[in-house]
Amino acid sequence: MPTVLALLHILGCVLLAAVFFSPAGVPTLVHLLKGILREYSLMMLVPALFTALVAVWCAHADVWKWLRWGTAASALVVGVLAIWPAGSAWRMARANGLPLDLRAYLRPLVGARPLPSQTVRFAEIAGRELHADIFLPQDSSPLPRPAVLYLHGGGWRGGERAYARAWADFLTAKGYVLIALDYRLFPPATGMTAPGDVKCGIRWVKDHAASYGIDPARLVLFGESAGGHLAMLAAYSAGDSRLPSSCGSAADTSVAAVISFYAPGDLVAHAAHNADTLVGFTGAPLAGHRELYELLSPIHHIGPRAPPTLLLHGGADSVVPPEASQEMAARLAQFGVPHALFTLPYAEHGFDIWDGGFGRQLARGRVGPFLQQYAPVE
């Protein structure tokens, strides 16, 4: 019995470690579990503790010597993996003066999320209706409010605007109107249309700002992953006739600031990690179409007049390497654009999707002050 129990615990610990360190290209479920383990790493203290108890039991039982050492080593490894992400998050929080809440950490992975106040159709393009979910603050104000325009992730071919609900309570409680925008997904290829859909949405918000008590001069684009790419591309290419609004209007689509989470900024570089997806998005391979990839890369549209930008990225991101945001920060610095890069060393792609995770808490701690600095609520 001790032998079987020890073997099972060693196998369980090996599986946990394998998921924790799983590389890019693993099945979606494994990637999802990896993100959960890293955001809620303290949960692994439970198997570490039980394995340690088994190791103590084996030390006094008639089992192979390597099993005694194996269970002890397994307990130690999983214990270290449990403590490292949480410890890293706490160090970052202390260094940046950000709060972390253990009670929030112990809540369900995904709790109740609010429904939008309204859903409207802001455009119909090539037979496709584009909608916007609008989340309004509960308290009334006679003054125009700033608005955050949210763009979901999903590799340009999936995802939905409902992802914005994860941020709705946080933003509306601070007095911001949150508007989640649709954009067309591939297939067919949408590289030359999705940025225009975003600009169409920006223009619609500006044209209807008075109806929702919004100040059109205080709009912030906020995107995650593919949405972060489109947020930066639309913001930095405002006025560029090569990437026009899908609505056919040449009106102003500038924004006050941009927030981008774990997004590729250089599609030429990103093609080395995700060539097939980019072929679907752009409609062409990189070979022979480098100019197209550069046109659709936010990094090539940065100039002195680019809006202030907040970049957040996981240091262990296996989907979009953290170098993507580091290169964006370097280019923004080159042109003197106000910006901030916040890297979570332990975090995977999508670190903010879990309601109580330290990644979400740290992200909120950076997003709130950034919004107040560049699109303040009066």
Protein backbone atom coordinates (compact mmCIF):
# COMPACT_ATOMS: atom_id res chain seq x y z
CA MET A 1 0.00 0.00 0.00
CA PRO A 2 2.73 2.61 0.82
CA THR A 3 4.44 1.77 -2.45
CA VAL A 4 1.31 2.31 -4.54
CA LEU A 5 0.43 5.53 -2.69
CA ALA A 6 3.95 6.89 -3.12
CA LEU A 7 3.95 6.09 -6.83
CA LEU A 8 0.60 7.81 -7.32
CA HIS A 9 1.77 10.93 -5.52
CA ILE A 10 5.00 11.09 -7.49
CA LEU A 11 3.05 10.70 -10.74
CA GLY A 12 0.60 13.42 -9.70
CA CYS A 13 3.42 15.81 -8.85
CA VAL A 14 5.15 15.09 -12.16
CA LEU A 15 1.90 15.84 -14.02
CA LEU A 16 1.47 19.13 -12.14
CA ALA A 17 5.02 20.15 -12.97
CA ALA A 18 4.56 19.15 -16.61
CA VAL A 19 1.45 21.32 -16.91
CA PHE A 20 3.10 24.19 -15.04
CA PHE A 21 6.01 24.23 -17.52
CA SER A 22 4.10 23.17 -20.65
CA PRO A 23 5.45 24.87 -23.80
CA ALA A 24 3.71 26.65 -26.64
CA GLY A 25 1.52 24.54 -28.90
CA VAL A 26 -0.01 22.34 -26.21
CA PRO A 27 -3.77 21.58 -26.41
CA THR A 28 -6.08 24.36 -25.29
CA LEU A 29 -7.14 22.52 -22.15
CA VAL A 30 -3.52 22.09 -21.02
CA HIS A 31 -2.84 25.76 -21.68
CA LEU A 32 -5.93 26.68 -19.68
CA LEU A 33 -4.82 24.51 -16.75
CA LYS A 34 -1.34 26.02 -16.93
CA GLY A 35 -2.80 29.50 -16.59
CA ILE A 36 -4.91 28.45 -13.61
CA LEU A 37 -1.96 26.79 -11.87
CA ARG A 38 0.16 29.90 -12.27
CA GLU A 39 -2.55 32.32 -11.16
CA TYR A 40 -3.74 30.15 -8.27
CA SER A 41 -0.44 28.49 -7.47
CA LEU A 42 -1.13 28.38 -3.73
CA MET A 43 -3.62 25.61 -4.47
CA MET A 44 -0.64 23.36 -5.14
CA LEU A 45 0.33 23.56 -1.49
CA VAL A 46 -2.39 20.96 -0.88
CA PRO A 47 -0.86 18.19 -3.03
CA ALA A 48 2.58 19.24 -1.80
CA LEU A 49 1.46 18.77 1.81
CA PHE A 50 -0.15 15.38 1.17
CA THR A 51 2.89 14.20 -0.75
CA ALA A 52 5.11 15.32 2.15
CA LEU A 53 2.94 13.27 4.53
CA VAL A 54 3.29 10.26 2.25
CA ALA A 55 7.05 10.82 2.23
CA VAL A 56 7.10 10.75 6.04
CA TRP A 57 5.02 7.58 6.03
CA CYS A 58 7.35 5.95 3.48
CA ALA A 59 10.37 6.89 5.60
CA HIS A 60 9.07 4.46 8.26
CA ALA A 61 7.70 1.82 5.90
CA ASP A 62 9.30 -1.02 4.01
CA VAL A 63 9.57 0.56 0.56
CA TRP A 64 12.32 1.11 -1.97
CA LYS A 65 14.79 3.80 -0.98
CA TRP A 66 14.25 5.76 -4.18
CA LEU A 67 10.53 6.00 -3.36
CA ARG A 68 11.35 7.69 -0.07
CA TRP A 69 13.54 10.22 -1.79
CA GLY A 70 11.14 10.51 -4.74
CA THR A 71 8.13 11.45 -2.66
CA ALA A 72 10.17 13.94 -0.64
CA ALA A 73 11.60 15.52 -3.78
CA SER A 74 8.17 15.64 -5.43
CA ALA A 75 6.69 17.40 -2.42
CA LEU A 76 9.55 19.92 -2.43
CA VAL A 77 9.25 20.66 -6.16
CA VAL A 78 5.49 21.19 -6.06
CA GLY A 79 5.85 23.29 -2.90
CA VAL A 80 8.34 25.56 -4.66
CA LEU A 81 6.04 25.82 -7.71
CA ALA A 82 3.18 26.75 -5.37
CA ILE A 83 5.11 29.54 -3.69
CA TRP A 84 7.05 31.06 -6.58
CA PRO A 85 4.18 32.73 -8.58
CA ALA A 86 2.39 33.94 -5.46
CA GLY A 87 5.66 35.24 -4.01
CA SER A 88 6.49 36.96 -7.29
CA ALA A 89 3.06 38.62 -7.34
CA TRP A 90 3.46 39.84 -3.76
CA ARG A 91 6.92 41.27 -4.50
CA MET A 92 5.56 43.11 -7.53
CA ALA A 93 2.64 44.43 -5.53
CA ARG A 94 4.90 45.76 -2.79
CA ALA A 95 7.37 47.27 -5.25
CA ASN A 96 4.59 49.13 -7.07
CA GLY A 97 2.40 49.99 -4.10
CA LEU A 98 -0.46 47.82 -5.34
CA PRO A 99 -2.92 46.00 -3.08
CA LEU A 100 -3.48 42.24 -3.20
CA ASP A 101 -6.53 40.68 -1.58
CA LEU A 102 -6.37 37.08 -0.33
CA ARG A 103 -10.15 37.01 0.13
CA ALA A 104 -10.63 37.82 -3.54
CA TYR A 105 -8.04 35.16 -4.37
CA LEU A 106 -10.18 32.51 -2.70
CA ARG A 107 -13.34 33.38 -4.66
CA PRO A 108 -14.54 31.26 -7.63
CA LEU A 109 -12.40 31.40 -10.77
CA VAL A 110 -15.22 33.13 -12.65
CA GLY A 111 -17.96 34.80 -10.64
CA ALA A 112 -21.14 36.62 -11.60
CA ARG A 113 -20.58 39.26 -14.24
CA PRO A 114 -22.88 42.13 -15.19
CA LEU A 115 -24.95 42.32 -18.34
CA PRO A 116 -24.63 45.38 -20.59
CA SER A 117 -26.94 48.33 -20.08
CA GLN A 118 -27.59 48.35 -23.83
CA THR A 119 -26.56 46.54 -26.97
CA VAL A 120 -26.63 48.56 -30.19
CA ARG A 121 -25.73 47.96 -33.81
CA PHE A 122 -23.09 50.51 -34.74
CA ALA A 123 -22.52 49.40 -38.34
CA GLU A 124 -23.49 46.95 -41.06
CA ILE A 125 -20.61 46.22 -43.43
CA ALA A 126 -20.69 43.80 -46.33
CA GLY A 127 -23.78 42.16 -44.88
CA ARG A 128 -22.23 41.73 -41.42
CA GLU A 129 -23.75 43.56 -38.47
CA LEU A 130 -21.33 44.94 -35.90
CA HIS A 131 -22.64 45.49 -32.38
CA ALA A 132 -21.48 47.22 -29.24
CA ASP A 133 -22.26 46.34 -25.63
CA ILE A 134 -22.53 49.47 -23.49
CA PHE A 135 -22.00 49.37 -19.73
CA LEU A 136 -23.00 52.57 -17.95
CA PRO A 137 -22.03 53.63 -14.42
CA GLN A 138 -24.91 53.39 -11.97
CA ASP A 139 -24.40 56.83 -10.51
CA SER A 140 -25.58 59.75 -12.61
CA SER A 141 -23.33 62.69 -13.43
CA PRO A 142 -24.08 66.02 -15.11
CA LEU A 143 -20.55 66.05 -16.54
CA PRO A 144 -19.43 64.06 -19.61
CA ARG A 145 -17.54 60.91 -18.68
CA PRO A 146 -14.53 59.24 -20.25
CA ALA A 147 -15.12 55.91 -22.00
CA VAL A 148 -13.09 52.75 -22.43
CA LEU A 149 -13.58 50.98 -25.76
CA TYR A 150 -12.82 47.28 -25.34
CA LEU A 151 -11.58 44.88 -28.04
CA HIS A 152 -11.62 41.16 -27.25
CA GLY A 153 -8.87 38.65 -27.97
CA GLY A 154 -9.13 35.32 -29.74
CA GLY A 155 -6.40 35.23 -32.37
CA TRP A 156 -8.39 37.43 -34.81
CA ARG A 157 -10.64 34.45 -35.54
CA GLY A 158 -12.48 33.84 -32.27
CA GLY A 159 -13.56 35.48 -29.06
CA GLU A 160 -16.50 37.77 -28.45
CA ARG A 161 -17.25 41.21 -27.07
CA ALA A 162 -18.81 39.57 -23.96
CA TYR A 163 -15.26 39.18 -22.62
CA ALA A 164 -15.56 42.83 -21.59
CA ARG A 165 -17.94 41.82 -18.80
CA ALA A 166 -14.91 40.76 -16.76
CA TRP A 167 -13.88 44.42 -16.58
CA ALA A 168 -17.32 46.04 -16.40
CA ASP A 169 -17.78 46.33 -12.63
CA PHE A 170 -14.25 47.60 -12.10
CA LEU A 171 -14.45 50.32 -14.77
CA THR A 172 -18.02 51.50 -14.23
CA ALA A 173 -17.41 51.72 -10.48
CA LYS A 174 -14.65 54.20 -11.26
CA GLY A 175 -17.03 56.27 -13.38
CA TYR A 176 -16.05 55.07 -16.86
CA VAL A 177 -18.45 54.07 -19.59
CA LEU A 178 -17.34 50.71 -21.01
CA ILE A 179 -18.14 49.91 -24.63
CA ALA A 180 -17.23 46.51 -26.08
CA LEU A 181 -16.93 46.62 -29.87
CA ASP A 182 -17.33 43.90 -32.48
CA TYR A 183 -14.86 43.56 -35.32
CA ARG A 184 -14.89 41.10 -38.19
CA LEU A 185 -13.02 37.83 -37.70
CA PHE A 186 -11.37 35.52 -40.19
CA PRO A 187 -12.09 33.59 -42.30
CA PRO A 188 -12.20 35.29 -44.66
CA ALA A 189 -9.02 37.29 -44.13
CA THR A 190 -9.69 40.45 -42.13
CA GLY A 191 -6.25 42.04 -41.84
CA MET A 192 -7.30 45.00 -43.96
CA THR A 193 -10.81 45.26 -42.52
CA ALA A 194 -10.64 44.61 -38.77
CA PRO A 195 -8.64 47.81 -38.05
CA GLY A 196 -11.21 49.72 -40.07
CA ASP A 197 -14.03 48.15 -38.04
CA VAL A 198 -12.36 49.42 -34.88
CA LYS A 199 -12.06 52.91 -36.35
CA CYS A 200 -15.71 52.72 -37.40
CA GLY A 201 -16.59 51.91 -33.78
CA ILE A 202 -14.51 54.82 -32.49
CA ARG A 203 -16.24 57.18 -34.89
CA TRP A 204 -19.66 55.87 -33.87
CA VAL A 205 -18.88 56.49 -30.21
CA LYS A 206 -17.73 60.04 -30.97
CA ASP A 207 -20.85 60.73 -33.04
CA HIS A 208 -23.15 59.41 -30.28
CA ALA A 209 -21.14 60.59 -27.29
CA ALA A 210 -23.77 63.02 -26.10
CA SER A 211 -26.42 60.28 -25.97
CA TYR A 212 -24.39 58.35 -23.40
CA GLY A 213 -22.85 61.24 -21.50
CA ILE A 214 -19.40 60.57 -22.95
CA ASP A 215 -16.60 63.07 -23.51
CA PRO A 216 -15.32 62.22 -27.04
CA ALA A 217 -11.93 63.70 -26.15
CA ARG A 218 -11.43 61.09 -23.40
CA LEU A 219 -11.68 57.77 -25.20
CA VAL A 220 -9.29 54.95 -24.34
CA LEU A 221 -8.81 51.84 -26.47
CA PHE A 222 -8.31 48.70 -24.40
CA GLY A 223 -7.51 45.39 -26.07
CA GLU A 224 -6.31 41.96 -25.03
CA SER A 225 -4.12 39.76 -27.23
CA ALA A 226 -5.44 40.14 -30.81
CA GLY A 227 -7.66 42.93 -29.49
CA GLY A 228 -4.58 44.63 -28.07
CA HIS A 229 -2.93 44.45 -31.47
CA LEU A 230 -5.98 46.07 -33.11
CA ALA A 231 -6.22 48.70 -30.36
CA MET A 232 -2.62 49.79 -30.92
CA LEU A 233 -2.91 49.59 -34.71
CA ALA A 234 -6.10 51.66 -34.84
CA ALA A 235 -4.74 54.23 -32.38
CA TYR A 236 -1.32 54.67 -33.96
CA SER A 237 -2.63 54.71 -37.56
CA ALA A 238 -5.37 57.32 -37.02
CA GLY A 239 -5.53 59.40 -40.17
CA ASP A 240 -3.55 56.88 -42.24
CA SER A 241 -5.42 56.51 -45.55
CA ARG A 242 -3.96 53.03 -46.04
CA LEU A 243 -6.06 51.78 -43.12
CA PRO A 244 -9.33 53.69 -43.43
CA SER A 245 -12.49 53.34 -41.36
CA SER A 246 -14.83 50.61 -42.58
CA CYS A 247 -17.65 53.14 -42.42
CA GLY A 248 -16.20 55.11 -45.30
CA SER A 249 -15.75 58.25 -43.24
CA ALA A 250 -12.50 60.20 -43.04
CA ALA A 251 -13.54 61.79 -39.73
CA ASP A 252 -11.26 61.83 -36.70
CA THR A 253 -10.69 58.47 -34.97
CA SER A 254 -7.96 59.53 -32.56
CA VAL A 255 -8.06 58.41 -28.92
CA ALA A 256 -6.60 59.76 -25.70
CA ALA A 257 -4.72 56.60 -24.69
CA VAL A 258 -4.24 52.89 -25.36
CA ILE A 259 -4.07 49.84 -23.07
CA SER A 260 -2.71 46.64 -24.56
CA PHE A 261 -2.46 43.26 -22.81
CA TYR A 262 -0.07 40.59 -24.14
CA ALA A 263 -0.41 41.62 -27.78
CA PRO A 264 1.90 41.24 -30.78
CA GLY A 265 3.11 44.59 -32.06
CA ASP A 266 5.29 43.37 -34.93
CA LEU A 267 3.60 40.80 -37.17
CA VAL A 268 6.83 40.11 -39.02
CA ALA A 269 8.40 38.93 -35.77
CA HIS A 270 5.20 37.22 -34.62
CA ALA A 271 5.09 35.13 -37.81
CA ALA A 272 7.96 33.09 -36.37
CA HIS A 273 5.62 31.93 -33.58
CA ASN A 274 2.20 31.86 -35.25
CA ALA A 275 2.59 31.79 -39.01
CA ASP A 276 -0.60 29.85 -39.79
CA THR A 277 -2.83 32.23 -37.83
CA LEU A 278 -1.26 35.26 -39.48
CA VAL A 279 -1.79 33.75 -42.92
CA GLY A 280 -5.47 33.44 -42.01
CA PHE A 281 -5.63 36.99 -40.67
CA THR A 282 -3.69 38.73 -43.45
CA GLY A 283 -4.68 36.41 -46.29
CA ALA A 284 -1.07 35.87 -47.32
CA PRO A 285 2.18 34.31 -46.06
CA LEU A 286 5.01 36.53 -44.87
CA ALA A 287 7.21 35.47 -47.77
CA GLY A 288 6.58 37.92 -50.58
CA HIS A 289 4.19 40.05 -48.49
CA ARG A 290 6.46 41.70 -45.94
CA GLU A 291 5.04 45.17 -46.71
CA LEU A 292 1.53 43.95 -45.84
CA TYR A 293 2.74 42.53 -42.52
CA GLU A 294 4.54 45.79 -41.74
CA LEU A 295 1.44 47.81 -42.62
CA LEU A 296 -0.56 45.72 -40.15
CA SER A 297 2.09 46.02 -37.42
CA PRO A 298 1.46 48.73 -34.80
CA ILE A 299 5.21 49.12 -34.22
CA HIS A 300 5.60 50.63 -37.69
CA HIS A 301 2.95 53.30 -37.04
CA ILE A 302 4.43 54.74 -33.86
CA GLY A 303 5.37 58.38 -34.06
CA PRO A 304 5.80 61.37 -31.75
CA ARG A 305 2.04 61.96 -31.71
CA ALA A 306 1.08 58.41 -30.72
CA PRO A 307 -1.22 58.32 -27.68
CA PRO A 308 0.08 57.32 -24.23
CA THR A 309 0.22 53.54 -23.94
CA LEU A 310 0.09 51.01 -21.13
CA LEU A 311 1.52 47.57 -21.93
CA LEU A 312 1.01 44.49 -19.74
CA HIS A 313 2.54 41.11 -20.47
CA GLY A 314 3.22 37.79 -18.77
CA GLY A 315 6.88 36.86 -18.53
CA ALA A 316 5.99 33.19 -19.14
CA ASP A 317 3.66 33.87 -22.07
CA SER A 318 3.87 30.91 -24.46
CA VAL A 319 1.49 32.40 -27.05
CA VAL A 320 2.89 35.90 -27.55
CA PRO A 321 6.44 36.16 -26.17
CA PRO A 322 7.03 39.04 -23.72
CA GLU A 323 9.61 40.46 -26.12
CA ALA A 324 6.67 41.69 -28.20
CA SER A 325 5.71 44.28 -25.59
CA GLN A 326 9.34 45.01 -24.76
CA GLU A 327 9.98 45.96 -28.39
CA MET A 328 6.87 48.15 -28.41
CA ALA A 329 8.04 49.93 -25.27
CA ALA A 330 11.46 50.54 -26.80
CA ARG A 331 9.92 52.05 -29.94
CA LEU A 332 7.56 54.25 -27.92
CA ALA A 333 10.54 55.45 -25.88
CA GLN A 334 12.43 56.18 -29.09
CA PHE A 335 9.71 58.65 -30.13
CA GLY A 336 9.20 60.08 -26.66
CA VAL A 337 5.66 58.71 -26.29
CA PRO A 338 4.47 58.43 -22.67
CA HIS A 339 4.19 54.74 -21.89
CA ALA A 340 4.56 52.08 -19.19
CA LEU A 341 5.43 48.39 -19.47
CA PHE A 342 4.40 46.06 -16.66
CA THR A 343 5.66 42.48 -16.88
CA LEU A 344 4.44 39.72 -14.56
CA PRO A 345 7.39 37.28 -14.52
CA TYR A 346 5.37 34.19 -13.60
CA ALA A 347 2.28 34.83 -15.73
CA GLU A 348 0.95 33.05 -18.82
CA HIS A 349 -1.08 34.44 -21.69
CA GLY A 350 -4.51 35.59 -20.51
CA PHE A 351 -3.37 36.03 -16.91
CA ASP A 352 -6.20 38.46 -16.15
CA ILE A 353 -9.19 36.29 -17.09
CA TRP A 354 -9.60 34.72 -13.63
CA ASP A 355 -11.61 36.93 -11.31
CA GLY A 356 -9.60 36.62 -8.10
CA GLY A 357 -6.19 35.76 -9.49
CA PHE A 358 -3.22 37.87 -8.55
CA GLY A 359 -2.73 38.66 -12.25
CA ARG A 360 -6.15 40.30 -12.46
CA GLN A 361 -5.55 42.16 -9.22
CA LEU A 362 -2.16 43.47 -10.39
CA ALA A 363 -3.58 44.43 -13.77
CA ARG A 364 -6.38 46.43 -12.17
CA GLY A 365 -3.82 48.14 -9.99
CA ARG A 366 -2.03 49.40 -13.11
CA VAL A 367 -5.05 50.13 -15.31
CA GLY A 368 -6.84 52.32 -12.75
CA PRO A 369 -4.04 54.90 -12.25
CA PHE A 370 -3.23 54.94 -15.98
CA LEU A 371 -6.82 55.79 -16.86
CA GLN A 372 -6.97 58.44 -14.17
CA GLN A 373 -3.79 60.03 -15.54
CA TYR A 374 -4.72 60.17 -19.23
CA ALA A 375 -8.54 60.04 -19.24
CA PRO A 376 -9.53 61.19 -15.75
CA VAL A 377 -13.02 61.08 -14.32
CA GLU A 378 -13.88 64.62 -13.27
